[in-house]
C-alpha cells in the first residue's frame, strides 16, 4: 500500500507523462493516474496460484489413485516435517493422513491440487504439488480450509498455527 501511495505522489509531483509516456511504475506498482492494462496475469502481478482468481482449467481426478494417495501422504508428511524443523514436535501433535477429500489435475502445469483430511485435528489442508520422478514437490503454500479455532494456540508464529494441533487443548467446561 505504501508503494502505491508513493508511486501516485511521485506521479503527481513529477508528472513524468511527457518523459515516459502513459505507463508509469512497475508491473505491480501502478499509478492510479495512468491506464492499467486489463490483461495482466496472476504471474505478472506476483499473485500466488492458490489466491489467483483467473480462470484456470482443473480436471477432477480419482481420489483413490496411487499418485493422489501418495501426494496426500507427502503433504501430511511435509506438514509434520515442517513442525519438526521448527522444533515444535514437543507442543504440536503429529498429523495422520485420514483421506483425500478432493483431487484435481492441471494439464498445462502438470500439477495436482489436493485437499486432504488429517487427524487428530480433523483439519482439511490444501496444496498444489508437482510429481518429480518418484517424489513430489509442493509448489504453493499449504492452506488450512476449515476453521481451527484455538487448536494451534500454542504455536509461536501465526503462519504455523493452522498446521499445529497443540498437544494440550483448551477445554471449556460450563459451571452451573
N, C-alpha and C. Protein backbone atom coordinates (compact mmCIF):
# COMPACT_ATOMS: atom_id res chain seq x y z
N UNK A 1 0.82 -1.19 0.00
CA UNK A 1 0.00 0.00 0.00
C UNK A 1 0.87 1.25 0.00
N UNK A 2 1.95 1.21 0.82
CA UNK A 2 2.84 2.36 0.88
C UNK A 2 3.46 2.63 -0.49
N UNK A 3 3.80 1.52 -1.18
CA UNK A 3 4.42 1.66 -2.50
C UNK A 3 3.45 2.34 -3.47
N UNK A 4 2.18 1.95 -3.43
CA UNK A 4 1.20 2.55 -4.33
C UNK A 4 1.03 4.04 -4.04
N UNK A 5 0.98 4.41 -2.77
CA UNK A 5 0.87 5.84 -2.41
C UNK A 5 2.10 6.59 -2.91
N UNK A 6 3.26 6.00 -2.72
CA UNK A 6 4.50 6.62 -3.17
C UNK A 6 4.48 6.85 -4.68
N UNK A 7 4.08 5.82 -5.43
CA UNK A 7 4.02 5.93 -6.89
C UNK A 7 3.06 7.04 -7.30
N UNK A 8 1.89 7.10 -6.66
CA UNK A 8 0.91 8.12 -7.02
C UNK A 8 1.41 9.53 -6.68
N UNK A 9 2.02 9.70 -5.51
CA UNK A 9 2.56 11.02 -5.15
C UNK A 9 3.67 11.44 -6.11
N UNK A 10 4.53 10.51 -6.48
CA UNK A 10 5.60 10.83 -7.44
C UNK A 10 5.00 11.24 -8.78
N UNK A 11 3.95 10.53 -9.18
CA UNK A 11 3.31 10.85 -10.45
C UNK A 11 2.75 12.26 -10.43
N UNK A 12 2.11 12.64 -9.33
CA UNK A 12 1.54 13.99 -9.21
C UNK A 12 2.65 15.03 -9.15
N UNK A 13 3.66 14.77 -8.35
CA UNK A 13 4.72 15.76 -8.13
C UNK A 13 5.58 15.96 -9.38
N UNK A 14 5.99 14.87 -9.99
CA UNK A 14 6.94 14.98 -11.10
C UNK A 14 6.29 15.00 -12.48
N UNK A 15 5.07 14.47 -12.60
CA UNK A 15 4.36 14.37 -13.87
C UNK A 15 5.29 13.92 -14.99
N UNK A 16 5.58 12.64 -15.00
CA UNK A 16 6.51 12.06 -15.97
C UNK A 16 5.86 11.73 -17.31
N UNK A 17 4.62 12.11 -17.54
CA UNK A 17 3.91 11.72 -18.75
C UNK A 17 4.70 12.03 -20.01
N UNK A 18 5.21 13.24 -20.14
CA UNK A 18 5.91 13.59 -21.38
C UNK A 18 7.24 12.84 -21.49
N UNK A 19 7.86 12.54 -20.37
CA UNK A 19 9.16 11.88 -20.40
C UNK A 19 9.07 10.38 -20.63
N UNK A 20 8.06 9.72 -20.00
CA UNK A 20 7.99 8.26 -20.05
C UNK A 20 6.75 7.71 -20.75
N UNK A 21 5.85 8.52 -21.19
CA UNK A 21 4.65 8.02 -21.84
C UNK A 21 3.54 7.77 -20.84
N UNK A 22 2.55 7.00 -21.26
CA UNK A 22 1.34 6.81 -20.45
C UNK A 22 1.50 5.83 -19.29
N UNK A 23 2.45 4.92 -19.37
CA UNK A 23 2.57 3.91 -18.33
C UNK A 23 3.69 4.30 -17.38
N UNK A 24 3.39 4.27 -16.07
CA UNK A 24 4.39 4.63 -15.07
C UNK A 24 4.33 3.61 -13.94
N UNK A 25 5.47 3.24 -13.42
CA UNK A 25 5.53 2.26 -12.34
C UNK A 25 5.88 0.89 -12.88
N UNK A 26 6.12 -0.04 -11.97
CA UNK A 26 6.44 -1.40 -12.36
C UNK A 26 5.18 -2.18 -12.66
N UNK A 27 5.32 -3.48 -12.77
CA UNK A 27 4.17 -4.33 -13.05
C UNK A 27 3.17 -4.26 -11.90
N UNK A 28 3.65 -4.35 -10.67
CA UNK A 28 2.75 -4.35 -9.51
C UNK A 28 2.41 -2.95 -9.04
N UNK A 29 3.37 -2.02 -9.13
CA UNK A 29 3.15 -0.66 -8.62
C UNK A 29 2.71 0.23 -9.77
N UNK A 30 1.45 0.49 -9.85
CA UNK A 30 0.89 1.32 -10.91
C UNK A 30 0.29 2.58 -10.30
N UNK A 31 0.49 3.66 -10.97
CA UNK A 31 -0.14 4.90 -10.54
C UNK A 31 -1.61 4.84 -10.94
N UNK A 32 -2.49 5.29 -10.05
CA UNK A 32 -3.92 5.30 -10.38
C UNK A 32 -4.22 6.38 -11.40
N UNK A 33 -3.25 7.22 -11.68
CA UNK A 33 -3.44 8.28 -12.66
C UNK A 33 -3.08 7.83 -14.08
N UNK A 34 -2.64 6.60 -14.22
CA UNK A 34 -2.26 6.04 -15.52
C UNK A 34 -3.17 4.87 -15.86
N UNK A 35 -3.26 4.57 -17.15
CA UNK A 35 -4.08 3.42 -17.53
C UNK A 35 -3.51 2.11 -16.97
N UNK A 36 -4.39 1.22 -16.56
CA UNK A 36 -3.99 -0.10 -16.08
C UNK A 36 -4.44 -1.11 -17.11
N UNK A 37 -3.51 -1.96 -17.54
CA UNK A 37 -3.83 -2.98 -18.52
C UNK A 37 -4.77 -4.01 -17.89
N UNK A 38 -5.76 -4.44 -18.63
CA UNK A 38 -6.74 -5.37 -18.09
C UNK A 38 -6.37 -6.82 -18.31
N UNK A 39 -5.33 -7.08 -19.09
CA UNK A 39 -4.97 -8.46 -19.39
C UNK A 39 -3.75 -8.95 -18.61
N UNK A 40 -3.50 -8.33 -17.45
CA UNK A 40 -2.38 -8.79 -16.63
C UNK A 40 -2.71 -10.15 -16.04
N UNK A 41 -1.69 -10.97 -15.90
CA UNK A 41 -1.88 -12.31 -15.34
C UNK A 41 -1.49 -12.33 -13.87
N UNK A 42 -1.91 -13.37 -13.19
CA UNK A 42 -1.53 -13.54 -11.78
C UNK A 42 -0.01 -13.62 -11.66
N UNK A 43 0.62 -14.27 -12.61
CA UNK A 43 2.08 -14.39 -12.58
C UNK A 43 2.74 -13.02 -12.68
N UNK A 44 2.26 -12.17 -13.57
CA UNK A 44 2.80 -10.82 -13.71
C UNK A 44 2.58 -9.99 -12.45
N UNK A 45 1.46 -10.22 -11.79
CA UNK A 45 1.14 -9.47 -10.57
C UNK A 45 1.74 -10.10 -9.32
N UNK A 46 2.44 -11.22 -9.52
CA UNK A 46 3.07 -11.96 -8.42
C UNK A 46 2.04 -12.42 -7.38
N UNK A 47 0.89 -12.85 -7.88
CA UNK A 47 -0.16 -13.40 -7.02
C UNK A 47 0.03 -14.91 -6.99
N UNK A 48 0.18 -15.51 -5.82
CA UNK A 48 0.37 -16.96 -5.74
C UNK A 48 -0.82 -17.70 -6.34
N UNK A 49 -0.56 -18.87 -6.93
CA UNK A 49 -1.61 -19.66 -7.58
C UNK A 49 -2.81 -19.92 -6.69
N UNK A 50 -2.57 -20.18 -5.41
CA UNK A 50 -3.69 -20.52 -4.54
C UNK A 50 -4.64 -19.35 -4.33
N UNK A 51 -4.22 -18.13 -4.64
CA UNK A 51 -5.08 -16.95 -4.48
C UNK A 51 -5.51 -16.35 -5.82
N UNK A 52 -5.09 -16.95 -6.91
CA UNK A 52 -5.39 -16.42 -8.25
C UNK A 52 -6.85 -16.72 -8.60
N UNK A 53 -7.58 -15.68 -9.03
CA UNK A 53 -8.98 -15.89 -9.41
C UNK A 53 -9.16 -15.96 -10.92
N UNK A 54 -8.04 -15.90 -11.66
CA UNK A 54 -8.12 -16.06 -13.10
C UNK A 54 -8.60 -17.48 -13.40
N UNK A 55 -9.34 -17.60 -14.48
CA UNK A 55 -9.89 -18.90 -14.80
C UNK A 55 -8.79 -19.85 -15.24
N UNK A 56 -8.66 -20.95 -14.53
CA UNK A 56 -7.71 -22.00 -14.87
C UNK A 56 -8.50 -23.29 -15.01
N UNK A 57 -8.04 -24.16 -15.88
CA UNK A 57 -8.76 -25.40 -16.12
C UNK A 57 -8.16 -26.53 -15.29
N UNK A 58 -8.89 -26.93 -14.29
CA UNK A 58 -8.52 -28.06 -13.44
C UNK A 58 -9.51 -29.18 -13.72
N UNK A 59 -9.02 -30.41 -13.81
CA UNK A 59 -9.86 -31.57 -14.07
C UNK A 59 -9.90 -32.47 -12.85
N UNK A 60 -11.10 -32.87 -12.46
CA UNK A 60 -11.22 -33.79 -11.33
C UNK A 60 -10.50 -35.09 -11.68
N UNK A 61 -9.86 -35.65 -10.68
CA UNK A 61 -9.16 -36.92 -10.87
C UNK A 61 -9.54 -37.87 -9.74
N UNK A 62 -9.29 -39.13 -9.93
CA UNK A 62 -9.67 -40.17 -8.98
C UNK A 62 -8.97 -39.96 -7.64
N UNK A 63 -9.74 -39.78 -6.58
CA UNK A 63 -9.16 -39.54 -5.26
C UNK A 63 -8.53 -40.80 -4.67
N UNK A 64 -8.77 -41.95 -5.29
CA UNK A 64 -8.21 -43.20 -4.78
C UNK A 64 -7.01 -43.67 -5.60
N UNK A 65 -6.61 -42.89 -6.60
CA UNK A 65 -5.46 -43.26 -7.43
C UNK A 65 -4.16 -43.23 -6.63
N UNK A 66 -3.19 -44.02 -7.07
CA UNK A 66 -1.91 -44.12 -6.35
C UNK A 66 -1.20 -42.78 -6.25
N UNK A 67 -1.14 -42.03 -7.36
CA UNK A 67 -0.46 -40.73 -7.34
C UNK A 67 -1.11 -39.78 -6.35
N UNK A 68 -2.43 -39.77 -6.33
CA UNK A 68 -3.16 -38.87 -5.44
C UNK A 68 -2.93 -39.27 -3.98
N UNK A 69 -3.04 -40.55 -3.69
CA UNK A 69 -2.82 -41.02 -2.31
C UNK A 69 -1.40 -40.73 -1.86
N UNK A 70 -0.43 -40.99 -2.73
CA UNK A 70 0.97 -40.72 -2.39
C UNK A 70 1.22 -39.22 -2.19
N UNK A 71 0.58 -38.40 -3.03
CA UNK A 71 0.72 -36.94 -2.89
C UNK A 71 0.11 -36.47 -1.57
N UNK A 72 -1.03 -37.04 -1.21
CA UNK A 72 -1.70 -36.67 0.04
C UNK A 72 -0.83 -37.03 1.25
N UNK A 73 -0.26 -38.22 1.23
CA UNK A 73 0.62 -38.63 2.33
C UNK A 73 1.88 -37.76 2.36
N UNK A 74 2.38 -37.39 1.19
CA UNK A 74 3.54 -36.50 1.11
C UNK A 74 3.20 -35.14 1.74
N UNK A 75 2.01 -34.64 1.47
CA UNK A 75 1.57 -33.36 2.02
C UNK A 75 1.53 -33.40 3.56
N UNK A 76 0.93 -34.43 4.11
CA UNK A 76 0.86 -34.56 5.57
C UNK A 76 2.26 -34.73 6.16
N UNK A 77 3.11 -35.51 5.50
CA UNK A 77 4.49 -35.67 5.96
C UNK A 77 5.24 -34.35 5.92
N UNK A 78 4.96 -33.54 4.91
CA UNK A 78 5.61 -32.24 4.79
C UNK A 78 5.21 -31.32 5.95
N UNK A 79 3.93 -31.35 6.31
CA UNK A 79 3.48 -30.55 7.46
C UNK A 79 4.21 -31.01 8.72
N UNK A 80 4.27 -32.34 8.93
CA UNK A 80 4.94 -32.87 10.11
C UNK A 80 6.43 -32.53 10.11
N UNK A 81 7.07 -32.61 8.95
CA UNK A 81 8.50 -32.26 8.85
C UNK A 81 8.72 -30.78 9.13
N UNK A 82 7.79 -29.95 8.68
CA UNK A 82 7.89 -28.51 8.93
C UNK A 82 7.81 -28.22 10.43
N UNK A 83 6.90 -28.91 11.11
CA UNK A 83 6.79 -28.75 12.57
C UNK A 83 8.06 -29.24 13.27
N UNK A 84 8.61 -30.34 12.75
CA UNK A 84 9.83 -30.89 13.33
C UNK A 84 11.01 -29.94 13.13
N UNK A 85 11.14 -29.36 11.93
CA UNK A 85 12.23 -28.43 11.64
C UNK A 85 12.15 -27.18 12.52
N UNK A 86 10.95 -26.80 12.90
CA UNK A 86 10.76 -25.62 13.74
C UNK A 86 10.79 -25.98 15.23
N UNK A 87 11.18 -27.23 15.52
CA UNK A 87 11.26 -27.73 16.90
C UNK A 87 9.94 -27.58 17.65
N UNK A 88 8.85 -27.93 16.98
CA UNK A 88 7.53 -27.80 17.60
C UNK A 88 6.88 -29.15 17.90
N UNK A 89 7.62 -30.25 17.75
CA UNK A 89 7.02 -31.57 17.97
C UNK A 89 6.71 -31.83 19.44
N UNK A 90 7.31 -31.06 20.34
CA UNK A 90 7.01 -31.20 21.77
C UNK A 90 5.62 -30.63 22.10
N UNK A 91 5.21 -29.62 21.33
CA UNK A 91 3.93 -28.97 21.64
C UNK A 91 2.84 -29.25 20.61
N UNK A 92 3.23 -29.66 19.39
CA UNK A 92 2.25 -29.95 18.33
C UNK A 92 2.20 -31.45 18.08
N UNK A 93 1.00 -31.98 17.95
CA UNK A 93 0.80 -33.39 17.63
C UNK A 93 1.27 -33.69 16.21
N UNK A 94 1.67 -34.94 15.98
CA UNK A 94 1.96 -35.40 14.63
C UNK A 94 0.63 -35.65 13.94
N UNK A 95 0.47 -35.09 12.73
CA UNK A 95 -0.77 -35.28 11.99
C UNK A 95 -0.74 -36.63 11.28
N UNK A 96 -1.90 -37.25 11.16
CA UNK A 96 -2.04 -38.53 10.47
C UNK A 96 -3.01 -38.37 9.31
N UNK A 97 -2.64 -38.91 8.17
CA UNK A 97 -3.47 -38.88 6.98
C UNK A 97 -4.74 -39.69 7.22
N UNK A 98 -5.89 -39.07 6.93
CA UNK A 98 -7.17 -39.78 7.03
C UNK A 98 -7.69 -40.12 5.64
N UNK A 99 -7.86 -39.07 4.80
CA UNK A 99 -8.48 -39.29 3.50
C UNK A 99 -8.15 -38.16 2.54
N UNK A 100 -8.32 -38.47 1.25
CA UNK A 100 -8.27 -37.43 0.22
C UNK A 100 -9.70 -36.97 0.03
N UNK A 101 -9.93 -35.68 0.20
CA UNK A 101 -11.28 -35.13 0.07
C UNK A 101 -11.57 -34.77 -1.38
N UNK A 102 -10.59 -34.17 -2.05
CA UNK A 102 -10.75 -33.87 -3.48
C UNK A 102 -9.37 -33.82 -4.13
N UNK A 103 -9.38 -34.05 -5.44
CA UNK A 103 -8.13 -34.00 -6.20
C UNK A 103 -8.44 -33.52 -7.61
N UNK A 104 -7.62 -32.58 -8.08
CA UNK A 104 -7.77 -32.04 -9.43
C UNK A 104 -6.40 -31.98 -10.08
N UNK A 105 -6.41 -32.10 -11.41
CA UNK A 105 -5.17 -32.11 -12.18
C UNK A 105 -5.19 -30.96 -13.18
N UNK A 106 -4.06 -30.27 -13.31
CA UNK A 106 -3.91 -29.17 -14.27
C UNK A 106 -2.92 -29.63 -15.33
N UNK A 107 -3.41 -29.85 -16.56
CA UNK A 107 -2.57 -30.41 -17.62
C UNK A 107 -1.40 -29.51 -17.99
N UNK A 108 -1.66 -28.22 -18.18
CA UNK A 108 -0.62 -27.30 -18.63
C UNK A 108 0.53 -27.21 -17.63
N UNK A 109 0.21 -27.23 -16.35
CA UNK A 109 1.23 -27.13 -15.31
C UNK A 109 1.73 -28.51 -14.87
N UNK A 110 1.01 -29.55 -15.24
CA UNK A 110 1.26 -30.90 -14.74
C UNK A 110 1.24 -30.90 -13.21
N UNK A 111 0.29 -30.16 -12.67
CA UNK A 111 0.18 -30.01 -11.21
C UNK A 111 -1.06 -30.73 -10.69
N UNK A 112 -0.96 -31.13 -9.45
CA UNK A 112 -2.06 -31.78 -8.76
C UNK A 112 -2.47 -30.90 -7.60
N UNK A 113 -3.78 -30.60 -7.50
CA UNK A 113 -4.30 -29.82 -6.36
C UNK A 113 -5.13 -30.77 -5.52
N UNK A 114 -4.74 -30.93 -4.26
CA UNK A 114 -5.45 -31.88 -3.42
C UNK A 114 -5.90 -31.23 -2.12
N UNK A 115 -7.00 -31.76 -1.60
CA UNK A 115 -7.49 -31.40 -0.27
C UNK A 115 -7.48 -32.69 0.53
N UNK A 116 -6.82 -32.63 1.69
CA UNK A 116 -6.57 -33.82 2.49
C UNK A 116 -7.13 -33.62 3.90
N UNK A 117 -7.72 -34.67 4.44
CA UNK A 117 -8.17 -34.65 5.82
C UNK A 117 -7.14 -35.32 6.71
N UNK A 118 -6.93 -34.77 7.91
CA UNK A 118 -5.93 -35.32 8.83
C UNK A 118 -6.47 -35.34 10.25
N UNK A 119 -5.93 -36.27 11.04
CA UNK A 119 -6.26 -36.32 12.46
C UNK A 119 -4.98 -36.03 13.25
N UNK A 120 -5.03 -35.65 14.48
CA UNK A 120 -6.21 -35.56 15.34
C UNK A 120 -6.99 -34.25 15.18
N UNK A 121 -6.54 -33.35 14.32
CA UNK A 121 -7.17 -32.03 14.20
C UNK A 121 -8.48 -32.05 13.43
N UNK A 122 -8.74 -33.14 12.68
CA UNK A 122 -9.85 -33.20 11.73
C UNK A 122 -9.76 -32.03 10.76
N UNK A 123 -8.54 -31.60 10.46
CA UNK A 123 -8.31 -30.47 9.57
C UNK A 123 -8.36 -30.86 8.11
N UNK A 124 -8.67 -29.88 7.29
CA UNK A 124 -8.68 -30.04 5.83
C UNK A 124 -7.59 -29.12 5.28
N UNK A 125 -6.60 -29.71 4.61
CA UNK A 125 -5.43 -28.99 4.13
C UNK A 125 -5.36 -29.09 2.62
N UNK A 126 -5.03 -27.95 1.98
CA UNK A 126 -4.96 -27.91 0.52
C UNK A 126 -3.59 -27.43 0.08
N UNK A 127 -3.09 -28.02 -1.01
CA UNK A 127 -1.84 -27.58 -1.62
C UNK A 127 -1.80 -28.07 -3.06
N UNK A 128 -0.92 -27.44 -3.84
CA UNK A 128 -0.66 -27.89 -5.20
C UNK A 128 0.72 -28.54 -5.21
N UNK A 129 0.81 -29.66 -5.92
CA UNK A 129 2.06 -30.41 -5.97
C UNK A 129 2.43 -30.76 -7.40
N UNK A 130 3.72 -30.91 -7.63
CA UNK A 130 4.24 -31.43 -8.89
C UNK A 130 4.86 -32.79 -8.60
N UNK A 131 4.69 -33.72 -9.54
CA UNK A 131 5.35 -35.01 -9.39
C UNK A 131 6.70 -34.93 -10.07
N UNK A 132 7.74 -35.27 -9.33
CA UNK A 132 9.10 -35.28 -9.86
C UNK A 132 9.66 -36.68 -9.68
N UNK A 133 9.74 -37.42 -10.78
CA UNK A 133 10.17 -38.82 -10.77
C UNK A 133 9.33 -39.60 -9.77
N UNK A 134 9.92 -40.09 -8.69
CA UNK A 134 9.16 -40.88 -7.71
C UNK A 134 8.82 -40.09 -6.45
N UNK A 135 8.88 -38.77 -6.54
CA UNK A 135 8.61 -37.93 -5.38
C UNK A 135 7.71 -36.77 -5.78
N UNK A 136 7.35 -35.96 -4.82
CA UNK A 136 6.50 -34.80 -5.08
C UNK A 136 7.19 -33.54 -4.58
N UNK A 137 6.74 -32.41 -5.12
CA UNK A 137 7.24 -31.11 -4.68
C UNK A 137 6.02 -30.22 -4.48
N UNK A 138 5.91 -29.61 -3.31
CA UNK A 138 4.79 -28.71 -3.03
C UNK A 138 5.13 -27.35 -3.62
N UNK A 139 4.24 -26.83 -4.47
CA UNK A 139 4.54 -25.58 -5.20
C UNK A 139 3.72 -24.39 -4.72
N UNK A 140 2.85 -24.59 -3.75
CA UNK A 140 2.08 -23.49 -3.17
C UNK A 140 2.19 -23.56 -1.66
N UNK A 141 1.69 -22.54 -1.03
CA UNK A 141 1.58 -22.56 0.43
C UNK A 141 0.54 -23.61 0.81
N UNK A 142 0.78 -24.31 1.90
CA UNK A 142 -0.21 -25.25 2.42
C UNK A 142 -1.25 -24.42 3.18
N UNK A 143 -2.51 -24.58 2.78
CA UNK A 143 -3.59 -23.78 3.35
C UNK A 143 -4.55 -24.69 4.12
N UNK A 144 -4.94 -24.26 5.29
CA UNK A 144 -5.98 -24.98 6.02
C UNK A 144 -7.32 -24.38 5.65
N UNK A 145 -8.24 -25.22 5.20
CA UNK A 145 -9.52 -24.75 4.67
C UNK A 145 -10.62 -24.64 5.71
N UNK A 146 -10.54 -25.40 6.78
CA UNK A 146 -11.60 -25.37 7.78
C UNK A 146 -11.22 -24.45 8.93
N UNK A 147 -12.19 -24.16 9.77
CA UNK A 147 -11.93 -23.33 10.95
C UNK A 147 -11.19 -24.18 11.98
N UNK A 148 -10.15 -23.61 12.54
CA UNK A 148 -9.36 -24.38 13.50
C UNK A 148 -9.38 -23.78 14.90
N UNK A 149 -10.05 -22.66 15.07
CA UNK A 149 -10.22 -22.07 16.40
C UNK A 149 -8.93 -21.95 17.17
N UNK A 150 -8.90 -22.53 18.37
CA UNK A 150 -7.72 -22.47 19.23
C UNK A 150 -6.84 -23.71 19.13
N UNK A 151 -7.06 -24.58 18.14
CA UNK A 151 -6.28 -25.81 18.04
C UNK A 151 -4.78 -25.55 18.00
N UNK A 152 -4.36 -24.46 17.40
CA UNK A 152 -2.94 -24.16 17.26
C UNK A 152 -2.46 -23.05 18.16
N UNK A 153 -3.18 -22.79 19.25
CA UNK A 153 -2.86 -21.65 20.13
C UNK A 153 -1.42 -21.68 20.64
N UNK A 154 -0.84 -22.86 20.80
CA UNK A 154 0.49 -22.98 21.41
C UNK A 154 1.63 -22.66 20.45
N UNK A 155 1.34 -22.61 19.15
CA UNK A 155 2.39 -22.34 18.16
C UNK A 155 2.85 -20.89 18.29
N UNK A 156 4.16 -20.66 18.26
CA UNK A 156 4.68 -19.31 18.49
C UNK A 156 4.48 -18.35 17.32
N UNK A 157 4.22 -18.87 16.13
CA UNK A 157 4.10 -18.00 14.96
C UNK A 157 2.73 -18.17 14.30
N UNK A 158 2.19 -17.07 13.83
CA UNK A 158 0.85 -17.04 13.21
C UNK A 158 0.76 -17.99 12.01
N UNK A 159 1.81 -18.05 11.19
CA UNK A 159 1.76 -18.85 9.97
C UNK A 159 1.76 -20.36 10.24
N UNK A 160 2.19 -20.78 11.41
CA UNK A 160 2.25 -22.20 11.72
C UNK A 160 1.01 -22.69 12.47
N UNK A 161 0.23 -21.78 13.05
CA UNK A 161 -0.95 -22.16 13.85
C UNK A 161 -1.97 -23.01 13.10
N UNK A 162 -2.25 -22.74 11.83
CA UNK A 162 -3.21 -23.60 11.13
C UNK A 162 -2.72 -25.04 10.97
N UNK A 163 -1.41 -25.25 11.04
CA UNK A 163 -0.84 -26.57 10.82
C UNK A 163 -0.60 -27.33 12.12
N UNK A 164 -0.65 -26.63 13.24
CA UNK A 164 -0.34 -27.23 14.54
C UNK A 164 -1.62 -27.60 15.28
N UNK A 165 -1.64 -28.82 15.80
CA UNK A 165 -2.70 -29.24 16.73
C UNK A 165 -2.00 -29.42 18.07
N UNK A 166 -2.21 -28.48 18.97
CA UNK A 166 -1.49 -28.47 20.24
C UNK A 166 -1.78 -29.73 21.05
N UNK A 167 -0.73 -30.29 21.64
CA UNK A 167 -0.88 -31.50 22.45
C UNK A 167 -1.83 -31.27 23.62
N UNK A 168 -1.79 -30.08 24.19
CA UNK A 168 -2.72 -29.72 25.26
C UNK A 168 -3.75 -28.77 24.67
N UNK A 169 -4.98 -29.22 24.59
CA UNK A 169 -6.06 -28.41 24.03
C UNK A 169 -6.80 -27.69 25.15
N UNK A 170 -7.31 -26.51 24.80
CA UNK A 170 -8.17 -25.80 25.75
C UNK A 170 -9.43 -26.64 25.95
N UNK A 171 -9.87 -26.70 27.16
CA UNK A 171 -11.16 -27.35 27.41
C UNK A 171 -12.05 -26.34 28.10
N UNK A 172 -13.25 -26.27 27.61
CA UNK A 172 -14.20 -25.33 28.21
C UNK A 172 -15.24 -26.15 28.96
N UNK A 173 -15.40 -25.83 30.19
CA UNK A 173 -16.42 -26.51 30.99
C UNK A 173 -17.37 -25.47 31.53
N UNK A 174 -18.62 -25.76 31.44
CA UNK A 174 -19.63 -24.84 31.93
C UNK A 174 -19.84 -25.08 33.42
N UNK A 175 -19.83 -24.01 34.19
CA UNK A 175 -20.08 -24.12 35.63
C UNK A 175 -21.52 -23.72 35.91
N UNK A 176 -22.19 -24.56 36.65
CA UNK A 176 -23.60 -24.29 36.97
C UNK A 176 -23.75 -23.86 38.38
